[in-house]
Amino acid sequence: MPITLTIKQVPDALAAALRRRAEGNRRSQQRELVLILERALGDAPDVGLPGVREPFVANAAGKRHAARAAPARRPQPTGRLSLKELWQRAQALGAPTSSESTDIIRRDRDARHGR
């Protein structure tokens, strides 16, 4: 069962950095904190998004710097589809295209209004 944690006396600069990071990752501050904790404890898969700032890490000299993403795109983890793969599956299953969808919506709307 989830519990509520409270962090007291967070410096303004740190809180602002968390707010910016959460906004940059298009997440709530709550979700950003949970992901930071999961990554720090090693209990979560890497769910980073391309182009999203990653946590700071220390180099051999102990200086902090932003973690760099690998230049080559890694394959998607099992169970996750790319947009292209998702589109191909939708087409294979006979999902209507946008023009077909538009026609269906118009027919339904016209039938409701007696046209």
C-alpha atoms as a PDB file:
ATOM      1  CA  MET A   1       0.000   0.000   0.000  1.00  0.00           C
ATOM      2  CA  PRO A   2       1.470   3.394  -0.954  1.00  0.00           C
ATOM      3  CA  ILE A   3       2.431   5.780   1.822  1.00  0.00           C
ATOM      4  CA  THR A   4       2.817   9.543   1.922  1.00  0.00           C
ATOM      5  CA  LEU A   5       6.299  10.963   2.484  1.00  0.00           C
ATOM      6  CA  THR A   6       6.983  14.541   3.504  1.00  0.00           C
ATOM      7  CA  ILE A   7      10.250  16.327   2.809  1.00  0.00           C
ATOM      8  CA  LYS A   8      10.813  19.326   5.064  1.00  0.00           C
ATOM      9  CA  GLN A   9      13.121  22.305   4.701  1.00  0.00           C
ATOM     10  CA  VAL A  10      13.741  21.892   0.963  1.00  0.00           C
ATOM     11  CA  PRO A  11      15.888  24.827  -0.220  1.00  0.00           C
ATOM     12  CA  ASP A  12      14.137  27.165  -2.662  1.00  0.00           C
ATOM     13  CA  ALA A  13      16.707  26.547  -5.396  1.00  0.00           C
ATOM     14  CA  LEU A  14      16.256  22.771  -5.137  1.00  0.00           C
ATOM     15  CA  ALA A  15      12.456  23.051  -5.193  1.00  0.00           C
ATOM     16  CA  ALA A  16      12.655  25.323  -8.252  1.00  0.00           C
ATOM     17  CA  ALA A  17      14.992  22.874  -9.989  1.00  0.00           C
ATOM     18  CA  LEU A  18      12.564  20.021  -9.289  1.00  0.00           C
ATOM     19  CA  ARG A  19       9.678  22.099 -10.640  1.00  0.00           C
ATOM     20  CA  ARG A  20      11.615  22.894 -13.845  1.00  0.00           C
ATOM     21  CA  ARG A  21      12.676  19.278 -14.276  1.00  0.00           C
ATOM     22  CA  ALA A  22       9.113  18.008 -13.814  1.00  0.00           C
ATOM     23  CA  GLU A  23       7.776  20.579 -16.287  1.00  0.00           C
ATOM     24  CA  GLY A  24      10.531  19.711 -18.772  1.00  0.00           C
ATOM     25  CA  ASN A  25       9.596  16.037 -18.530  1.00  0.00           C
ATOM     26  CA  ARG A  26       5.861  16.867 -18.695  1.00  0.00           C
ATOM     27  CA  ARG A  27       5.219  15.235 -15.325  1.00  0.00           C
ATOM     28  CA  SER A  28       3.895  16.337 -11.970  1.00  0.00           C
ATOM     29  CA  GLN A  29       6.425  17.055  -9.247  1.00  0.00           C
ATOM     30  CA  GLN A  30       5.053  14.046  -7.381  1.00  0.00           C
ATOM     31  CA  ARG A  31       5.687  11.688 -10.307  1.00  0.00           C
ATOM     32  CA  GLU A  32       9.124  13.209 -10.926  1.00  0.00           C
ATOM     33  CA  LEU A  33      10.119  12.591  -7.296  1.00  0.00           C
ATOM     34  CA  VAL A  34       8.893   8.987  -7.407  1.00  0.00           C
ATOM     35  CA  LEU A  35      10.904   8.346 -10.588  1.00  0.00           C
ATOM     36  CA  ILE A  36      14.012   9.925  -9.052  1.00  0.00           C
ATOM     37  CA  LEU A  37      13.656   7.666  -6.005  1.00  0.00           C
ATOM     38  CA  GLU A  38      13.053   4.556  -8.123  1.00  0.00           C
ATOM     39  CA  ARG A  39      16.126   5.244 -10.238  1.00  0.00           C
ATOM     40  CA  ALA A  40      18.276   6.045  -7.195  1.00  0.00           C
ATOM     41  CA  LEU A  41      17.252   2.801  -5.515  1.00  0.00           C
ATOM     42  CA  GLY A  42      17.587   0.760  -8.698  1.00  0.00           C
ATOM     43  CA  ASP A  43      14.037  -0.607  -8.508  1.00  0.00           C
ATOM     44  CA  ALA A  44      12.701   0.841 -11.751  1.00  0.00           C
ATOM     45  CA  PRO A  45      13.480   0.399 -15.427  1.00  0.00           C
ATOM     46  CA  ASP A  46      14.874   3.406 -17.245  1.00  0.00           C
ATOM     47  CA  VAL A  47      11.831   5.294 -18.510  1.00  0.00           C
ATOM     48  CA  GLY A  48      13.692   8.329 -19.756  1.00  0.00           C
ATOM     49  CA  LEU A  49      12.511  10.062 -22.880  1.00  0.00           C
ATOM     50  CA  PRO A  50      14.785  11.178 -25.707  1.00  0.00           C
ATOM     51  CA  GLY A  51      15.880  14.767 -25.233  1.00  0.00           C
ATOM     52  CA  VAL A  52      14.789  14.873 -21.586  1.00  0.00           C
ATOM     53  CA  ARG A  53      17.351  15.950 -19.031  1.00  0.00           C
ATOM     54  CA  GLU A  54      18.620  13.110 -16.921  1.00  0.00           C
ATOM     55  CA  PRO A  55      19.797  13.244 -13.283  1.00  0.00           C
ATOM     56  CA  PHE A  56      23.236  14.560 -12.481  1.00  0.00           C
ATOM     57  CA  VAL A  57      26.035  12.026 -12.036  1.00  0.00           C
ATOM     58  CA  ALA A  58      29.573  12.374 -10.710  1.00  0.00           C
ATOM     59  CA  ASN A  59      32.577  11.761 -12.973  1.00  0.00           C
ATOM     60  CA  ALA A  60      35.858  10.195 -11.841  1.00  0.00           C
ATOM     61  CA  ALA A  61      37.032  13.536 -10.445  1.00  0.00           C
ATOM     62  CA  GLY A  62      33.831  13.860  -8.397  1.00  0.00           C
ATOM     63  CA  LYS A  63      32.457  16.742 -10.472  1.00  0.00           C
ATOM     64  CA  ARG A  64      28.732  16.636 -11.153  1.00  0.00           C
ATOM     65  CA  HIS A  65      27.484  16.760 -14.720  1.00  0.00           C
ATOM     66  CA  ALA A  66      24.309  15.833 -16.575  1.00  0.00           C
ATOM     67  CA  ALA A  67      24.175  12.217 -17.664  1.00  0.00           C
ATOM     68  CA  ARG A  68      24.460  11.948 -21.442  1.00  0.00           C
ATOM     69  CA  ALA A  69      22.128   9.821 -23.526  1.00  0.00           C
ATOM     70  CA  ALA A  70      23.700   7.237 -25.805  1.00  0.00           C
ATOM     71  CA  PRO A  71      24.015   8.585 -29.356  1.00  0.00           C
ATOM     72  CA  ALA A  72      22.475   5.485 -30.938  1.00  0.00           C
ATOM     73  CA  ARG A  73      18.800   4.890 -30.319  1.00  0.00           C
ATOM     74  CA  ARG A  74      18.250   1.799 -28.219  1.00  0.00           C
ATOM     75  CA  PRO A  75      15.550  -0.690 -29.207  1.00  0.00           C
ATOM     76  CA  GLN A  76      12.275  -0.420 -27.336  1.00  0.00           C
ATOM     77  CA  PRO A  77      11.918  -2.737 -24.330  1.00  0.00           C
ATOM     78  CA  THR A  78       9.730  -5.801 -24.771  1.00  0.00           C
ATOM     79  CA  GLY A  79       6.044  -4.947 -24.622  1.00  0.00           C
ATOM     80  CA  ARG A  80       6.442  -1.384 -25.891  1.00  0.00           C
ATOM     81  CA  LEU A  81       5.716  -0.433 -29.468  1.00  0.00           C
ATOM     82  CA  SER A  82       7.082   2.445 -31.488  1.00  0.00           C
ATOM     83  CA  LEU A  83       4.522   4.697 -33.155  1.00  0.00           C
ATOM     84  CA  LYS A  84       5.333   3.091 -36.505  1.00  0.00           C
ATOM     85  CA  GLU A  85       4.779  -0.408 -35.107  1.00  0.00           C
ATOM     86  CA  LEU A  86       1.539   0.683 -33.445  1.00  0.00           C
ATOM     87  CA  TRP A  87       0.281   2.191 -36.723  1.00  0.00           C
ATOM     88  CA  GLN A  88       1.201  -0.992 -38.621  1.00  0.00           C
ATOM     89  CA  ARG A  89      -0.671  -3.154 -36.105  1.00  0.00           C
ATOM     90  CA  ALA A  90      -3.724  -0.892 -36.268  1.00  0.00           C
ATOM     91  CA  GLN A  91      -3.745  -1.137 -40.069  1.00  0.00           C
ATOM     92  CA  ALA A  92      -3.316  -4.925 -39.947  1.00  0.00           C
ATOM     93  CA  LEU A  93      -6.308  -5.189 -37.600  1.00  0.00           C
ATOM     94  CA  GLY A  94      -8.424  -3.135 -39.999  1.00  0.00           C
ATOM     95  CA  ALA A  95      -8.599   0.054 -37.968  1.00  0.00           C
ATOM     96  CA  PRO A  96     -10.217   2.804 -40.024  1.00  0.00           C
ATOM     97  CA  THR A  97      -8.007   5.527 -41.439  1.00  0.00           C
ATOM     98  CA  SER A  98      -8.651   9.138 -40.492  1.00  0.00           C
ATOM     99  CA  SER A  99     -10.768   9.727 -43.606  1.00  0.00           C
ATOM    100  CA  GLU A 100     -12.836   6.612 -42.860  1.00  0.00           C
ATOM    101  CA  SER A 101     -13.235   7.748 -39.261  1.00  0.00           C
ATOM    102  CA  THR A 102     -14.430  11.142 -40.438  1.00  0.00           C
ATOM    103  CA  ASP A 103     -17.039   9.507 -42.649  1.00  0.00           C
ATOM    104  CA  ILE A 104     -18.252   7.302 -39.782  1.00  0.00           C
ATOM    105  CA  ILE A 105     -18.582  10.293 -37.437  1.00  0.00           C
ATOM    106  CA  ARG A 106     -20.434  12.325 -40.029  1.00  0.00           C
ATOM    107  CA  ARG A 107     -22.863   9.456 -40.732  1.00  0.00           C
ATOM    108  CA  ASP A 108     -23.556   9.027 -37.012  1.00  0.00           C
ATOM    109  CA  ARG A 109     -24.051  12.757 -36.521  1.00  0.00           C
ATOM    110  CA  ASP A 110     -26.346  13.010 -39.545  1.00  0.00           C
ATOM    111  CA  ALA A 111     -28.397  10.018 -38.347  1.00  0.00           C
ATOM    112  CA  ARG A 112     -28.856  11.657 -34.907  1.00  0.00           C
ATOM    113  CA  HIS A 113     -30.061  14.877 -36.523  1.00  0.00           C
ATOM    114  CA  GLY A 114     -32.312  13.139 -39.048  1.00  0.00           C
ATOM    115  CA  ARG A 115     -30.367  14.216 -42.115  1.00  0.00           C
END
